[in-house]
Amino acid sequence: MNDRPTRVLSGIQPSGTKHLGNYFGAMRQFVALQEEYPGECFYFIADYHALTTLRDAEALRSSVLELAATYLAIGVDPDKAALVRQSDVPEVTELTWLLSTVTGMGLLERATSYKDKVAKGISPNAGLFLYPVLMASDILIYDATLVPVGKDQIQHLEMAQDMGTHFNEAFGAEALVRPEWRLSKFAKVPGTDGEKMSTSYGNTIPLFETGKKLKKIVGRVVTDSTPLGEPLNPDDCNVFALLKLFVDDAGLEELDGWYRSGKRDGEPFGYGHAKQRLAQEIEAHFAPARARREHLLAHPDEVEQVLRRSADRARAIAQKTIARCKRACGLA
């Protein structure tokens, strides 16, 4: 069980319009990981998880299609990584039940995400309470060994480790592989209000917005009231922080000079010019991905083919895992 190649697992919720924070915080990491571990990356779209709060069937189907098209557009390669619709692998829910029989209530009651959601007014249901068990199944079903996480997800990964260990110990078998977490190096992306960019804060810049709408959103990025032509401090400017995500070192050095002098080619320079530059950079950077996404959304059969091919590959692994577990506990 220990002589296994590194296998990467990560999940994506099919909700909300993806924004710059999503991309620089996590999405582009998916593309990098598939190059680091080709053939061993499994990215699943968590439509089972979405059912804990979503009650609109058509909206869920649409969200899954849009999310899959988005990830394929930004560079996830189905020849290097499996892009799996969670519900296409029913073994995940079968393992969830097996794990639930060896998981203590106390462990689930300590889940901070459950407490946070209830505190925010989300009506608690059994699915929300058992969310960590399903998440553990998502990881363990594929014999994943490496799970990139943010700080807020470490507890869920540790719970998955506990559940896998409890199952193996309860039935005296090495049926499940222990996953390890790796803290993701998320880029800090400020929203239009200067706080962390987040859909819940309403301060996002959508990934594929263009034209006047994009300029209007970028125009809302908070700055101070320094007049046009006066020196600006790039070190505490939200616009400059966003420009850093797109502009190379030489370009940033030039921008830094314009900021600190308040001049560009002898003419006054101000925040409005910086925002214009930011909108241009965003539109140009995502133009190829935007075109690819539009094509995929217009040809959903192409997306469906990727999802089904990935599901076939994922299920081949999941079926072996569930067979080991059923043998271990006497069901086969």
C-alpha atoms as a PDB file:
ATOM      1  CA  MET A   1       0.000   0.000   0.000  1.00  0.00           C
ATOM      2  CA  ASN A   2       2.930   2.370   0.578  1.00  0.00           C
ATOM      3  CA  ASP A   3       4.703   1.816  -2.753  1.00  0.00           C
ATOM      4  CA  ARG A   4       2.228   3.894  -4.689  1.00  0.00           C
ATOM      5  CA  PRO A   5       2.829   6.828  -7.019  1.00  0.00           C
ATOM      6  CA  THR A   6       1.769  10.251  -5.836  1.00  0.00           C
ATOM      7  CA  ARG A   7      -1.893  10.671  -6.721  1.00  0.00           C
ATOM      8  CA  VAL A   8      -3.421  14.132  -6.410  1.00  0.00           C
ATOM      9  CA  LEU A   9      -7.059  14.765  -5.503  1.00  0.00           C
ATOM     10  CA  SER A  10      -8.963  18.028  -5.331  1.00  0.00           C
ATOM     11  CA  GLY A  11     -12.628  18.980  -5.481  1.00  0.00           C
ATOM     12  CA  ILE A  12     -14.554  21.932  -6.853  1.00  0.00           C
ATOM     13  CA  GLN A  13     -17.990  23.169  -5.821  1.00  0.00           C
ATOM     14  CA  PRO A  14     -20.288  23.866  -8.814  1.00  0.00           C
ATOM     15  CA  SER A  15     -21.483  27.207  -7.549  1.00  0.00           C
ATOM     16  CA  GLY A  16     -20.988  30.869  -8.328  1.00  0.00           C
ATOM     17  CA  THR A  17     -19.263  32.673 -11.182  1.00  0.00           C
ATOM     18  CA  LYS A  18     -15.522  32.061 -11.051  1.00  0.00           C
ATOM     19  CA  HIS A  19     -13.415  35.136 -10.421  1.00  0.00           C
ATOM     20  CA  LEU A  20      -9.776  36.253 -10.241  1.00  0.00           C
ATOM     21  CA  GLY A  21      -9.506  35.021  -6.648  1.00  0.00           C
ATOM     22  CA  ASN A  22     -10.577  31.521  -7.709  1.00  0.00           C
ATOM     23  CA  TYR A  23      -8.126  31.486 -10.594  1.00  0.00           C
ATOM     24  CA  PHE A  24      -4.985  32.752  -8.870  1.00  0.00           C
ATOM     25  CA  GLY A  25      -5.909  31.065  -5.604  1.00  0.00           C
ATOM     26  CA  ALA A  26      -6.571  27.553  -6.883  1.00  0.00           C
ATOM     27  CA  MET A  27      -7.538  27.036 -10.522  1.00  0.00           C
ATOM     28  CA  ARG A  28      -4.167  27.593 -12.147  1.00  0.00           C
ATOM     29  CA  GLN A  29      -2.651  25.251  -9.547  1.00  0.00           C
ATOM     30  CA  PHE A  30      -4.686  22.437 -11.099  1.00  0.00           C
ATOM     31  CA  VAL A  31      -2.923  23.023 -14.398  1.00  0.00           C
ATOM     32  CA  ALA A  32       0.498  23.116 -12.709  1.00  0.00           C
ATOM     33  CA  LEU A  33      -0.159  19.883 -10.790  1.00  0.00           C
ATOM     34  CA  GLN A  34      -1.104  17.957 -13.916  1.00  0.00           C
ATOM     35  CA  GLU A  35       2.322  18.805 -15.307  1.00  0.00           C
ATOM     36  CA  GLU A  36       4.016  17.755 -12.076  1.00  0.00           C
ATOM     37  CA  TYR A  37       2.034  14.504 -11.763  1.00  0.00           C
ATOM     38  CA  PRO A  38       0.760  13.659 -15.275  1.00  0.00           C
ATOM     39  CA  GLY A  39      -1.877  10.947 -15.279  1.00  0.00           C
ATOM     40  CA  GLU A  40      -2.216  11.009 -11.480  1.00  0.00           C
ATOM     41  CA  CYS A  41      -4.446  14.061 -10.926  1.00  0.00           C
ATOM     42  CA  PHE A  42      -8.136  13.625 -10.167  1.00  0.00           C
ATOM     43  CA  TYR A  43     -10.306  16.737 -10.015  1.00  0.00           C
ATOM     44  CA  PHE A  44     -13.948  16.167  -9.156  1.00  0.00           C
ATOM     45  CA  ILE A  45     -16.952  18.460  -9.478  1.00  0.00           C
ATOM     46  CA  ALA A  46     -18.837  18.084  -6.212  1.00  0.00           C
ATOM     47  CA  ASP A  47     -22.471  17.876  -7.339  1.00  0.00           C
ATOM     48  CA  TYR A  48     -23.406  15.489  -4.499  1.00  0.00           C
ATOM     49  CA  HIS A  49     -22.074  18.052  -2.004  1.00  0.00           C
ATOM     50  CA  ALA A  50     -24.078  20.821  -3.681  1.00  0.00           C
ATOM     51  CA  LEU A  51     -27.330  19.041  -2.781  1.00  0.00           C
ATOM     52  CA  THR A  52     -26.920  20.024   0.872  1.00  0.00           C
ATOM     53  CA  THR A  53     -28.061  23.533  -0.075  1.00  0.00           C
ATOM     54  CA  LEU A  54     -29.164  23.597  -3.746  1.00  0.00           C
ATOM     55  CA  ARG A  55     -32.747  22.618  -4.641  1.00  0.00           C
ATOM     56  CA  ASP A  56     -32.836  23.467  -8.350  1.00  0.00           C
ATOM     57  CA  ALA A  57     -32.090  20.526 -10.650  1.00  0.00           C
ATOM     58  CA  GLU A  58     -31.638  22.581 -13.811  1.00  0.00           C
ATOM     59  CA  ALA A  59     -29.388  25.069 -12.034  1.00  0.00           C
ATOM     60  CA  LEU A  60     -27.177  22.243 -10.768  1.00  0.00           C
ATOM     61  CA  ARG A  61     -26.840  20.659 -14.208  1.00  0.00           C
ATOM     62  CA  SER A  62     -26.048  24.046 -15.726  1.00  0.00           C
ATOM     63  CA  SER A  63     -23.486  24.846 -13.026  1.00  0.00           C
ATOM     64  CA  VAL A  64     -21.697  21.526 -13.544  1.00  0.00           C
ATOM     65  CA  LEU A  65     -21.485  22.092 -17.298  1.00  0.00           C
ATOM     66  CA  GLU A  66     -20.244  25.664 -16.863  1.00  0.00           C
ATOM     67  CA  LEU A  67     -17.637  24.665 -14.288  1.00  0.00           C
ATOM     68  CA  ALA A  68     -16.338  21.771 -16.376  1.00  0.00           C
ATOM     69  CA  ALA A  69     -16.096  24.035 -19.434  1.00  0.00           C
ATOM     70  CA  THR A  70     -14.272  26.659 -17.373  1.00  0.00           C
ATOM     71  CA  TYR A  71     -11.620  24.248 -16.113  1.00  0.00           C
ATOM     72  CA  LEU A  72     -11.079  22.756 -19.549  1.00  0.00           C
ATOM     73  CA  ALA A  73     -10.800  26.286 -20.959  1.00  0.00           C
ATOM     74  CA  ILE A  74      -8.104  27.388 -18.526  1.00  0.00           C
ATOM     75  CA  GLY A  75      -5.936  24.397 -19.372  1.00  0.00           C
ATOM     76  CA  VAL A  76      -6.966  21.259 -17.479  1.00  0.00           C
ATOM     77  CA  ASP A  77      -5.971  18.529 -19.939  1.00  0.00           C
ATOM     78  CA  PRO A  78      -8.136  15.375 -19.852  1.00  0.00           C
ATOM     79  CA  ASP A  79      -5.151  13.394 -21.154  1.00  0.00           C
ATOM     80  CA  LYS A  80      -3.168  14.368 -18.052  1.00  0.00           C
ATOM     81  CA  ALA A  81      -5.883  14.802 -15.423  1.00  0.00           C
ATOM     82  CA  ALA A  82      -9.288  13.262 -14.820  1.00  0.00           C
ATOM     83  CA  LEU A  83     -12.101  15.816 -14.558  1.00  0.00           C
ATOM     84  CA  VAL A  84     -14.815  13.820 -12.821  1.00  0.00           C
ATOM     85  CA  ARG A  85     -18.445  14.582 -12.077  1.00  0.00           C
ATOM     86  CA  GLN A  86     -18.794  13.274  -8.534  1.00  0.00           C
ATOM     87  CA  SER A  87     -22.168  11.635  -9.132  1.00  0.00           C
ATOM     88  CA  ASP A  88     -20.727   9.589 -12.013  1.00  0.00           C
ATOM     89  CA  VAL A  89     -18.855   7.511  -9.415  1.00  0.00           C
ATOM     90  CA  PRO A  90     -21.540   5.903  -7.189  1.00  0.00           C
ATOM     91  CA  GLU A  91     -18.872   4.022  -5.255  1.00  0.00           C
ATOM     92  CA  VAL A  92     -18.236   7.331  -3.472  1.00  0.00           C
ATOM     93  CA  THR A  93     -21.603   7.166  -1.706  1.00  0.00           C
ATOM     94  CA  GLU A  94     -21.149   3.462  -0.982  1.00  0.00           C
ATOM     95  CA  LEU A  95     -17.870   4.170   0.767  1.00  0.00           C
ATOM     96  CA  THR A  96     -19.534   7.047   2.612  1.00  0.00           C
ATOM     97  CA  TRP A  97     -21.876   4.588   4.311  1.00  0.00           C
ATOM     98  CA  LEU A  98     -19.047   2.213   5.207  1.00  0.00           C
ATOM     99  CA  LEU A  99     -17.055   5.070   6.743  1.00  0.00           C
ATOM    100  CA  SER A 100     -20.069   6.391   8.629  1.00  0.00           C
ATOM    101  CA  THR A 101     -20.303   3.086  10.530  1.00  0.00           C
ATOM    102  CA  VAL A 102     -16.840   3.597  12.051  1.00  0.00           C
ATOM    103  CA  THR A 103     -16.952   7.398  12.490  1.00  0.00           C
ATOM    104  CA  GLY A 104     -17.803   8.779  15.930  1.00  0.00           C
ATOM    105  CA  MET A 105     -20.419  11.488  16.327  1.00  0.00           C
ATOM    106  CA  GLY A 106     -17.931  13.521  18.346  1.00  0.00           C
ATOM    107  CA  LEU A 107     -15.596  13.797  15.367  1.00  0.00           C
ATOM    108  CA  LEU A 108     -18.357  15.186  13.156  1.00  0.00           C
ATOM    109  CA  GLU A 109     -19.618  17.532  15.851  1.00  0.00           C
ATOM    110  CA  ARG A 110     -16.178  19.169  15.941  1.00  0.00           C
ATOM    111  CA  ALA A 111     -16.296  20.070  12.239  1.00  0.00           C
ATOM    112  CA  THR A 112     -15.842  23.841  12.118  1.00  0.00           C
ATOM    113  CA  SER A 113     -17.366  24.165   8.620  1.00  0.00           C
ATOM    114  CA  TYR A 114     -20.662  22.714   9.882  1.00  0.00           C
ATOM    115  CA  LYS A 115     -20.699  25.105  12.825  1.00  0.00           C
ATOM    116  CA  ASP A 116     -19.869  28.064  10.570  1.00  0.00           C
ATOM    117  CA  LYS A 117     -22.624  27.288   8.079  1.00  0.00           C
ATOM    118  CA  VAL A 118     -25.237  26.858  10.779  1.00  0.00           C
ATOM    119  CA  ALA A 119     -24.080  30.132  12.368  1.00  0.00           C
ATOM    120  CA  LYS A 120     -24.618  31.842   8.997  1.00  0.00           C
ATOM    121  CA  GLY A 121     -28.229  30.716   8.975  1.00  0.00           C
ATOM    122  CA  ILE A 122     -27.989  27.654   6.717  1.00  0.00           C
ATOM    123  CA  SER A 123     -30.637  25.175   7.834  1.00  0.00           C
ATOM    124  CA  PRO A 124     -28.838  22.082   9.159  1.00  0.00           C
ATOM    125  CA  ASN A 125     -29.638  18.717   7.611  1.00  0.00           C
ATOM    126  CA  ALA A 126     -28.119  15.272   7.893  1.00  0.00           C
ATOM    127  CA  GLY A 127     -26.261  15.751   4.622  1.00  0.00           C
ATOM    128  CA  LEU A 128     -24.595  18.905   5.877  1.00  0.00           C
ATOM    129  CA  PHE A 129     -23.654  17.144   9.112  1.00  0.00           C
ATOM    130  CA  LEU A 130     -22.210  14.158   7.209  1.00  0.00           C
ATOM    131  CA  TYR A 131     -20.412  16.402   4.709  1.00  0.00           C
ATOM    132  CA  PRO A 132     -16.952  15.453   6.104  1.00  0.00           C
ATOM    133  CA  VAL A 133     -17.692  11.744   5.603  1.00  0.00           C
ATOM    134  CA  LEU A 134     -18.579  12.270   1.951  1.00  0.00           C
ATOM    135  CA  MET A 135     -15.479  14.429   1.557  1.00  0.00           C
ATOM    136  CA  ALA A 136     -13.359  11.670   3.094  1.00  0.00           C
ATOM    137  CA  SER A 137     -14.869   9.207   0.625  1.00  0.00           C
ATOM    138  CA  ASP A 138     -14.021  11.526  -2.260  1.00  0.00           C
ATOM    139  CA  ILE A 139     -10.383  11.325  -1.237  1.00  0.00           C
ATOM    140  CA  LEU A 140     -10.091   7.720  -0.091  1.00  0.00           C
ATOM    141  CA  ILE A 141     -12.001   6.145  -2.975  1.00  0.00           C
ATOM    142  CA  TYR A 142      -9.190   7.028  -5.420  1.00  0.00           C
ATOM    143  CA  ASP A 143      -6.271   6.024  -3.168  1.00  0.00           C
ATOM    144  CA  ALA A 144      -5.228   9.682  -3.216  1.00  0.00           C
ATOM    145  CA  THR A 145      -1.913  10.340  -1.505  1.00  0.00           C
ATOM    146  CA  LEU A 146      -1.676  14.125  -1.880  1.00  0.00           C
ATOM    147  CA  VAL A 147      -4.460  16.647  -1.330  1.00  0.00           C
ATOM    148  CA  PRO A 148      -3.652  20.354  -1.818  1.00  0.00           C
ATOM    149  CA  VAL A 149      -5.687  22.376   0.686  1.00  0.00           C
ATOM    150  CA  GLY A 150      -6.104  25.853   2.071  1.00  0.00           C
ATOM    151  CA  LYS A 151      -5.780  26.450   5.799  1.00  0.00           C
ATOM    152  CA  ASP A 152      -9.552  26.269   6.253  1.00  0.00           C
ATOM    153  CA  GLN A 153      -9.628  22.760   4.735  1.00  0.00           C
ATOM    154  CA  ILE A 154      -6.912  21.121   6.817  1.00  0.00           C
ATOM    155  CA  GLN A 155      -9.399  19.870   9.398  1.00  0.00           C
ATOM    156  CA  HIS A 156     -11.435  18.018   6.762  1.00  0.00           C
ATOM    157  CA  LEU A 157      -8.312  16.297   5.466  1.00  0.00           C
ATOM    158  CA  GLU A 158      -7.304  15.303   8.981  1.00  0.00           C
ATOM    159  CA  MET A 159     -10.787  13.890   9.492  1.00  0.00           C
ATOM    160  CA  ALA A 160     -10.387  11.852   6.306  1.00  0.00           C
ATOM    161  CA  GLN A 161      -7.112  10.486   7.661  1.00  0.00           C
ATOM    162  CA  ASP A 162      -8.864   9.537  10.917  1.00  0.00           C
ATOM    163  CA  MET A 163     -11.762   7.848   9.142  1.00  0.00           C
ATOM    164  CA  GLY A 164      -9.487   5.798   6.896  1.00  0.00           C
ATOM    165  CA  THR A 165      -7.387   4.738   9.876  1.00  0.00           C
ATOM    166  CA  HIS A 166     -10.474   3.842  11.932  1.00  0.00           C
ATOM    167  CA  PHE A 167     -11.835   1.700   9.107  1.00  0.00           C
ATOM    168  CA  ASN A 168      -8.551  -0.163   8.635  1.00  0.00           C
ATOM    169  CA  GLU A 169      -8.203  -0.756  12.382  1.00  0.00           C
ATOM    170  CA  ALA A 170     -11.847  -1.752  12.866  1.00  0.00           C
ATOM    171  CA  PHE A 171     -11.611  -4.504  10.270  1.00  0.00           C
ATOM    172  CA  GLY A 172      -7.945  -5.393  10.572  1.00  0.00           C
ATOM    173  CA  ALA A 173      -7.110  -4.661   6.959  1.00  0.00           C
ATOM    174  CA  GLU A 174      -5.082  -2.126   4.965  1.00  0.00           C
ATOM    175  CA  ALA A 175      -8.052  -1.359   2.751  1.00  0.00           C
ATOM    176  CA  LEU A 176      -7.676   2.416   2.560  1.00  0.00           C
ATOM    177  CA  VAL A 177      -4.614   4.508   1.699  1.00  0.00           C
ATOM    178  CA  ARG A 178      -3.725   7.366   4.052  1.00  0.00           C
ATOM    179  CA  PRO A 179      -3.760  10.729   2.244  1.00  0.00           C
ATOM    180  CA  GLU A 180      -1.430  13.599   3.153  1.00  0.00           C
ATOM    181  CA  TRP A 181      -2.196  17.273   2.776  1.00  0.00           C
ATOM    182  CA  ARG A 182      -0.050  19.969   1.254  1.00  0.00           C
ATOM    183  CA  LEU A 183      -0.775  23.576   2.037  1.00  0.00           C
ATOM    184  CA  SER A 184      -1.488  25.439  -1.152  1.00  0.00           C
ATOM    185  CA  LYS A 185       0.369  28.690  -1.742  1.00  0.00           C
ATOM    186  CA  PHE A 186      -2.615  30.825  -2.615  1.00  0.00           C
ATOM    187  CA  ALA A 187      -1.957  34.231  -4.091  1.00  0.00           C
ATOM    188  CA  LYS A 188      -3.655  36.961  -2.076  1.00  0.00           C
ATOM    189  CA  VAL A 189      -6.109  38.580  -4.432  1.00  0.00           C
ATOM    190  CA  PRO A 190      -7.815  41.782  -3.218  1.00  0.00           C
ATOM    191  CA  GLY A 191     -11.415  42.374  -4.183  1.00  0.00           C
ATOM    192  CA  THR A 192     -12.870  45.647  -5.379  1.00  0.00           C
ATOM    193  CA  ASP A 193     -13.222  46.740  -1.739  1.00  0.00           C
ATOM    194  CA  GLY A 194      -9.661  45.840  -0.781  1.00  0.00           C
ATOM    195  CA  GLU A 195     -10.703  42.781   1.258  1.00  0.00           C
ATOM    196  CA  LYS A 196      -9.994  39.222   0.134  1.00  0.00           C
ATOM    197  CA  MET A 197     -11.852  38.589  -3.118  1.00  0.00           C
ATOM    198  CA  SER A 198     -14.830  36.348  -2.344  1.00  0.00           C
ATOM    199  CA  THR A 199     -18.268  35.730  -3.800  1.00  0.00           C
ATOM    200  CA  SER A 200     -19.732  35.996  -0.316  1.00  0.00           C
ATOM    201  CA  TYR A 201     -18.343  39.537  -0.007  1.00  0.00           C
ATOM    202  CA  GLY A 202     -19.725  40.692  -3.366  1.00  0.00           C
ATOM    203  CA  ASN A 203     -16.337  42.168  -4.312  1.00  0.00           C
ATOM    204  CA  THR A 204     -15.294  39.921  -7.198  1.00  0.00           C
ATOM    205  CA  ILE A 205     -13.976  40.524 -10.700  1.00  0.00           C
ATOM    206  CA  PRO A 206     -15.378  37.729 -12.928  1.00  0.00           C
ATOM    207  CA  LEU A 207     -12.843  35.717 -14.854  1.00  0.00           C
ATOM    208  CA  PHE A 208     -14.374  36.080 -18.300  1.00  0.00           C
ATOM    209  CA  GLU A 209     -16.024  39.507 -18.158  1.00  0.00           C
ATOM    210  CA  THR A 210     -15.196  41.872 -21.037  1.00  0.00           C
ATOM    211  CA  GLY A 211     -15.783  45.323 -22.457  1.00  0.00           C
ATOM    212  CA  LYS A 212     -17.768  47.989 -20.652  1.00  0.00           C
ATOM    213  CA  LYS A 213     -18.944  45.620 -17.912  1.00  0.00           C
ATOM    214  CA  LEU A 214     -15.366  44.723 -17.030  1.00  0.00           C
ATOM    215  CA  LYS A 215     -14.291  48.376 -17.053  1.00  0.00           C
ATOM    216  CA  LYS A 216     -17.205  49.253 -14.772  1.00  0.00           C
ATOM    217  CA  ILE A 217     -16.289  46.517 -12.282  1.00  0.00           C
ATOM    218  CA  VAL A 218     -12.593  47.441 -12.317  1.00  0.00           C
ATOM    219  CA  GLY A 219     -13.596  51.076 -11.887  1.00  0.00           C
ATOM    220  CA  ARG A 220     -15.058  50.152  -8.485  1.00  0.00           C
ATOM    221  CA  VAL A 221     -11.700  49.036  -7.081  1.00  0.00           C
ATOM    222  CA  VAL A 222     -11.156  51.181  -3.994  1.00  0.00           C
ATOM    223  CA  THR A 223      -8.336  53.741  -4.048  1.00  0.00           C
ATOM    224  CA  ASP A 224      -7.526  56.853  -2.035  1.00  0.00           C
ATOM    225  CA  SER A 225      -8.362  60.407  -3.121  1.00  0.00           C
ATOM    226  CA  THR A 226      -4.941  61.493  -4.391  1.00  0.00           C
ATOM    227  CA  PRO A 227      -5.526  63.905  -7.329  1.00  0.00           C
ATOM    228  CA  LEU A 228      -4.488  63.170 -10.902  1.00  0.00           C
ATOM    229  CA  GLY A 229      -0.813  63.890 -11.491  1.00  0.00           C
ATOM    230  CA  GLU A 230       0.219  63.646  -7.842  1.00  0.00           C
ATOM    231  CA  PRO A 231       2.645  60.876  -6.678  1.00  0.00           C
ATOM    232  CA  LEU A 232       0.959  57.605  -5.708  1.00  0.00           C
ATOM    233  CA  ASN A 233       2.152  54.800  -3.453  1.00  0.00           C
ATOM    234  CA  PRO A 234       2.002  51.470  -5.309  1.00  0.00           C
ATOM    235  CA  ASP A 235       2.771  49.521  -2.125  1.00  0.00           C
ATOM    236  CA  ASP A 236      -0.683  50.055  -0.629  1.00  0.00           C
ATOM    237  CA  CYS A 237      -2.732  50.312  -3.821  1.00  0.00           C
ATOM    238  CA  ASN A 238      -5.338  47.624  -4.588  1.00  0.00           C
ATOM    239  CA  VAL A 239      -5.120  48.300  -8.322  1.00  0.00           C
ATOM    240  CA  PHE A 240      -1.342  47.837  -8.324  1.00  0.00           C
ATOM    241  CA  ALA A 241      -1.711  44.611  -6.298  1.00  0.00           C
ATOM    242  CA  LEU A 242      -4.029  43.250  -8.998  1.00  0.00           C
ATOM    243  CA  LEU A 243      -1.723  44.413 -11.781  1.00  0.00           C
ATOM    244  CA  LYS A 244       1.065  42.347 -10.193  1.00  0.00           C
ATOM    245  CA  LEU A 245      -0.884  39.228 -11.121  1.00  0.00           C
ATOM    246  CA  PHE A 246      -0.638  40.019 -14.834  1.00  0.00           C
ATOM    247  CA  VAL A 247       2.367  42.255 -15.546  1.00  0.00           C
ATOM    248  CA  ASP A 248       5.968  41.030 -15.810  1.00  0.00           C
ATOM    249  CA  ASP A 249       8.846  42.498 -13.802  1.00  0.00           C
ATOM    250  CA  ALA A 250       9.850  45.017 -16.474  1.00  0.00           C
ATOM    251  CA  GLY A 251       6.295  46.234 -16.820  1.00  0.00           C
ATOM    252  CA  LEU A 252       5.865  46.530 -13.068  1.00  0.00           C
ATOM    253  CA  GLU A 253       9.060  48.563 -12.790  1.00  0.00           C
ATOM    254  CA  GLU A 254       7.689  50.962 -15.382  1.00  0.00           C
ATOM    255  CA  LEU A 255       4.314  51.163 -13.615  1.00  0.00           C
ATOM    256  CA  ASP A 256       6.061  51.743 -10.303  1.00  0.00           C
ATOM    257  CA  GLY A 257       7.824  54.752 -11.821  1.00  0.00           C
ATOM    258  CA  TRP A 258       4.547  56.191 -13.131  1.00  0.00           C
ATOM    259  CA  TYR A 259       2.945  55.752  -9.723  1.00  0.00           C
ATOM    260  CA  ARG A 260       5.725  57.370  -7.724  1.00  0.00           C
ATOM    261  CA  SER A 261       6.148  60.323 -10.091  1.00  0.00           C
ATOM    262  CA  GLY A 262       2.486  60.818 -10.964  1.00  0.00           C
ATOM    263  CA  LYS A 263       3.607  61.144 -14.565  1.00  0.00           C
ATOM    264  CA  ARG A 264       3.605  58.952 -17.674  1.00  0.00           C
ATOM    265  CA  ASP A 265       5.584  60.157 -20.684  1.00  0.00           C
ATOM    266  CA  GLY A 266       5.414  63.662 -19.254  1.00  0.00           C
ATOM    267  CA  GLU A 267       1.621  63.575 -18.875  1.00  0.00           C
ATOM    268  CA  PRO A 268      -0.329  63.313 -15.595  1.00  0.00           C
ATOM    269  CA  PHE A 269      -0.900  59.760 -14.401  1.00  0.00           C
ATOM    270  CA  GLY A 270      -3.557  58.649 -11.920  1.00  0.00           C
ATOM    271  CA  TYR A 271      -5.650  55.775 -10.648  1.00  0.00           C
ATOM    272  CA  GLY A 272      -7.972  55.991 -13.640  1.00  0.00           C
ATOM    273  CA  HIS A 273      -5.076  55.160 -15.982  1.00  0.00           C
ATOM    274  CA  ALA A 274      -4.023  52.261 -13.761  1.00  0.00           C
ATOM    275  CA  LYS A 275      -7.567  50.873 -13.813  1.00  0.00           C
ATOM    276  CA  GLN A 276      -7.695  51.132 -17.607  1.00  0.00           C
ATOM    277  CA  ARG A 277      -4.458  49.159 -17.778  1.00  0.00           C
ATOM    278  CA  LEU A 278      -5.815  46.545 -15.382  1.00  0.00           C
ATOM    279  CA  ALA A 279      -8.978  46.017 -17.447  1.00  0.00           C
ATOM    280  CA  GLN A 280      -6.857  45.625 -20.596  1.00  0.00           C
ATOM    281  CA  GLU A 281      -4.572  43.104 -18.897  1.00  0.00           C
ATOM    282  CA  ILE A 282      -7.480  41.001 -17.601  1.00  0.00           C
ATOM    283  CA  GLU A 283      -9.245  40.954 -20.954  1.00  0.00           C
ATOM    284  CA  ALA A 284      -6.094  40.058 -22.894  1.00  0.00           C
ATOM    285  CA  HIS A 285      -4.902  37.424 -20.408  1.00  0.00           C
ATOM    286  CA  PHE A 286      -8.123  35.433 -20.471  1.00  0.00           C
ATOM    287  CA  ALA A 287      -9.028  35.962 -24.140  1.00  0.00           C
ATOM    288  CA  PRO A 288      -7.894  32.473 -25.315  1.00  0.00           C
ATOM    289  CA  ALA A 289      -9.598  30.742 -22.371  1.00  0.00           C
ATOM    290  CA  ARG A 290     -12.734  32.833 -22.868  1.00  0.00           C
ATOM    291  CA  ALA A 291     -12.978  31.780 -26.512  1.00  0.00           C
ATOM    292  CA  ARG A 292     -12.374  28.141 -25.607  1.00  0.00           C
ATOM    293  CA  ARG A 293     -15.041  28.288 -22.895  1.00  0.00           C
ATOM    294  CA  GLU A 294     -17.588  29.836 -25.244  1.00  0.00           C
ATOM    295  CA  HIS A 295     -16.932  27.050 -27.733  1.00  0.00           C
ATOM    296  CA  LEU A 296     -17.380  24.356 -25.078  1.00  0.00           C
ATOM    297  CA  LEU A 297     -20.596  25.867 -23.737  1.00  0.00           C
ATOM    298  CA  ALA A 298     -21.934  25.942 -27.300  1.00  0.00           C
ATOM    299  CA  HIS A 299     -20.912  22.269 -27.710  1.00  0.00           C
ATOM    300  CA  PRO A 300     -21.839  20.626 -24.396  1.00  0.00           C
ATOM    301  CA  ASP A 301     -21.441  17.178 -25.948  1.00  0.00           C
ATOM    302  CA  GLU A 302     -17.675  17.753 -26.001  1.00  0.00           C
ATOM    303  CA  VAL A 303     -17.701  18.497 -22.278  1.00  0.00           C
ATOM    304  CA  GLU A 304     -19.884  15.471 -21.619  1.00  0.00           C
ATOM    305  CA  GLN A 305     -17.442  13.230 -23.485  1.00  0.00           C
ATOM    306  CA  VAL A 306     -14.597  14.408 -21.257  1.00  0.00           C
ATOM    307  CA  LEU A 307     -16.652  13.850 -18.105  1.00  0.00           C
ATOM    308  CA  ARG A 308     -17.687  10.347 -19.169  1.00  0.00           C
ATOM    309  CA  ARG A 309     -14.174   9.351 -20.204  1.00  0.00           C
ATOM    310  CA  SER A 310     -12.824  10.629 -16.900  1.00  0.00           C
ATOM    311  CA  ALA A 311     -15.594   8.808 -15.027  1.00  0.00           C
ATOM    312  CA  ASP A 312     -14.646   5.511 -16.665  1.00  0.00           C
ATOM    313  CA  ARG A 313     -11.075   5.950 -15.527  1.00  0.00           C
ATOM    314  CA  ALA A 314     -12.075   7.069 -12.049  1.00  0.00           C
ATOM    315  CA  ARG A 315     -14.552   4.226 -11.549  1.00  0.00           C
ATOM    316  CA  ALA A 316     -11.942   1.616 -12.471  1.00  0.00           C
ATOM    317  CA  ILE A 317      -9.957   2.771  -9.432  1.00  0.00           C
ATOM    318  CA  ALA A 318     -13.009   3.315  -7.209  1.00  0.00           C
ATOM    319  CA  GLN A 319     -14.331  -0.187  -7.858  1.00  0.00           C
ATOM    320  CA  LYS A 320     -11.061  -1.733  -6.713  1.00  0.00           C
ATOM    321  CA  THR A 321     -11.110   0.362  -3.545  1.00  0.00           C
ATOM    322  CA  ILE A 322     -14.703  -0.490  -2.653  1.00  0.00           C
ATOM    323  CA  ALA A 323     -14.041  -4.170  -3.357  1.00  0.00           C
ATOM    324  CA  ARG A 324     -11.156  -4.141  -0.840  1.00  0.00           C
ATOM    325  CA  CYS A 325     -13.355  -2.441   1.738  1.00  0.00           C
ATOM    326  CA  LYS A 326     -16.272  -4.847   1.259  1.00  0.00           C
ATOM    327  CA  ARG A 327     -13.990  -7.843   1.574  1.00  0.00           C
ATOM    328  CA  ALA A 328     -12.505  -6.330   4.729  1.00  0.00           C
ATOM    329  CA  CYS A 329     -15.854  -5.915   6.460  1.00  0.00           C
ATOM    330  CA  GLY A 330     -17.501  -9.118   5.180  1.00  0.00           C
ATOM    331  CA  LEU A 331     -19.838  -7.781   2.494  1.00  0.00           C
ATOM    332  CA  ALA A 332     -18.220  -9.688  -0.368  1.00  0.00           C
END
